Each structure stands twice: as structure tokens, then as C-alpha cells.
């Protein structure tokens, strides 16, 4: 199946097992660069290794609790730092619009 996700960036929370893991694996198999998150860092790192090995896609594991008010912005910031392409036409526009969100 081709969902047109090659080169896209996906963030999946609750991704160390179950539906989150299955979703992240499918996105990676479709060519997306995947950021996975869960509170359990050991399980999360094993999941990232498995997904990367099976799909050949780059997987970034970021452990943390999304119910913590400060964590979601840190998750987005690390995703941007790792995967955002400076050559992308919308880069400066996105950065200016996201700046407020990233500080929230």
C-alpha cells in the first residue's frame, strides 16, 4: 500500500506497544520518519529498534509523559530539531508560526 507518507514526519504517542506501536510501525513501513513516545523508556527504545530494523526508516524515541504540561512542547521541539529540513520552502514560515506554540 502507498499512503504517500515517504519523507513525512509522524509523531505517535503511546507507541511502545499496542495500537500506538502498530501505528508507528505502519507509518515507518510507508516511509515516514517516525517519532515515538511513551513513558517507559526501556520498552520505547526496544520498540524504536524493532520498527527501524523492520522498516529501514529513521525512528526517534522520546520518553516522557504527555500529560505533563511542559512535555508536549519539548516533544515537538526535539522533533523539529531532529527532522526539520532547513531547505524546506515553508521552514521560516512554519518556525515563525510555531514559535508561540513551542513556548506554550
Protein backbone atom coordinates (compact mmCIF):
# COMPACT_ATOMS: atom_id res chain seq x y z
CA UNK A 1 0.00 0.00 0.00
CA UNK A 2 1.26 3.52 -0.69
CA UNK A 3 -0.20 6.17 1.58
CA UNK A 4 2.07 8.89 0.22
CA UNK A 5 3.96 9.25 3.51
CA UNK A 6 7.52 8.86 2.25
CA UNK A 7 9.61 11.65 3.75
CA UNK A 8 6.81 12.90 6.01
CA UNK A 9 7.26 13.25 9.77
CA UNK A 10 4.89 11.45 12.14
CA UNK A 11 4.66 11.66 15.93
CA UNK A 12 2.94 8.77 17.70
CA UNK A 13 2.32 8.77 21.45
CA UNK A 14 1.70 5.59 23.40
CA UNK A 15 3.90 3.86 20.84
CA UNK A 16 5.84 1.32 22.89
CA UNK A 17 3.12 -1.31 22.47
CA UNK A 18 -0.40 -2.00 21.26
CA UNK A 19 -2.16 0.29 18.79
CA UNK A 20 0.44 3.03 19.13
CA UNK A 21 3.23 0.60 18.24
CA UNK A 22 1.24 -0.81 15.30
CA UNK A 23 0.50 2.71 14.04
CA UNK A 24 4.15 3.79 14.28
CA UNK A 25 5.30 0.61 12.53
CA UNK A 26 2.86 1.13 9.65
CA UNK A 27 3.86 4.78 9.25
CA UNK A 28 7.54 3.78 9.18
CA UNK A 29 6.85 1.00 6.68
CA UNK A 30 5.23 3.64 4.49
CA UNK A 31 8.46 5.66 4.58
CA UNK A 32 7.65 8.25 7.23
CA UNK A 33 10.27 9.44 9.67
CA UNK A 34 8.68 8.49 12.96
CA UNK A 35 8.95 9.95 16.43
CA UNK A 36 7.59 7.57 19.05
CA UNK A 37 6.72 8.40 22.63
CA UNK A 38 5.80 6.54 25.78
CA UNK A 39 6.53 6.86 29.48
CA UNK A 40 8.52 3.61 29.65
CA UNK A 41 11.94 4.34 28.12
CA UNK A 42 13.15 0.72 28.04
CA UNK A 43 10.10 -0.54 26.17
CA UNK A 44 10.16 2.56 23.97
CA UNK A 45 13.78 2.03 22.93
CA UNK A 46 13.11 -1.63 22.11
CA UNK A 47 10.11 -0.56 20.02
CA UNK A 48 12.19 2.04 18.17
CA UNK A 49 14.89 -0.51 17.37
CA UNK A 50 12.35 -3.03 16.11
CA UNK A 51 10.45 -0.53 13.97
CA UNK A 52 13.67 0.84 12.46
CA UNK A 53 15.05 -2.64 11.77
CA UNK A 54 11.81 -3.83 10.12
CA UNK A 55 11.12 -0.70 8.08
CA UNK A 56 14.50 0.85 7.36
CA UNK A 57 13.06 4.21 8.42
CA UNK A 58 14.58 6.54 10.96
CA UNK A 59 12.82 6.34 14.32
CA UNK A 60 13.37 8.76 17.17
CA UNK A 61 12.29 7.58 20.64
CA UNK A 62 11.45 10.29 23.17
CA UNK A 63 10.33 9.07 26.57
CA UNK A 64 8.05 11.28 28.63
CA UNK A 65 4.55 11.84 29.93
CA UNK A 66 2.32 13.83 27.57
CA UNK A 67 0.02 14.68 30.49
CA UNK A 68 2.86 16.77 31.96
CA UNK A 69 2.08 20.33 30.85
CA UNK A 70 5.65 21.04 29.67
CA UNK A 71 6.40 17.79 27.88
CA UNK A 72 4.38 18.18 24.63
CA UNK A 73 6.28 21.32 23.63
CA UNK A 74 9.59 19.55 24.39
CA UNK A 75 8.44 16.63 22.23
CA UNK A 76 7.70 18.95 19.33
CA UNK A 77 10.95 20.86 19.82
CA UNK A 78 13.07 17.69 19.72
CA UNK A 79 11.15 16.51 16.65
CA UNK A 80 11.81 19.79 14.86
CA UNK A 81 15.49 19.74 15.85
CA UNK A 82 15.94 16.21 14.51
CA UNK A 83 13.83 16.14 11.37
CA UNK A 84 13.04 19.63 10.13
CA UNK A 85 14.77 20.31 6.83
CA UNK A 86 16.23 23.79 6.50
CA UNK A 87 15.78 23.62 2.73
CA UNK A 88 12.05 23.14 3.01
CA UNK A 89 10.20 26.07 1.42
CA UNK A 90 7.88 26.58 4.38
CA UNK A 91 10.62 26.36 7.01
CA UNK A 92 10.82 30.02 8.03
CA UNK A 93 7.05 30.48 7.84
CA UNK A 94 6.46 27.41 9.99
CA UNK A 95 9.10 28.46 12.52
CA UNK A 96 7.52 31.89 12.94
CA UNK A 97 4.03 30.41 13.38
CA UNK A 98 5.18 27.60 15.68
CA UNK A 99 7.30 29.77 17.94
CA UNK A 100 4.33 30.64 20.18
CA UNK A 101 3.23 27.02 20.35
CA UNK A 102 6.69 25.76 21.21
CA UNK A 103 6.84 28.18 24.16
CA UNK A 104 3.40 27.17 25.42
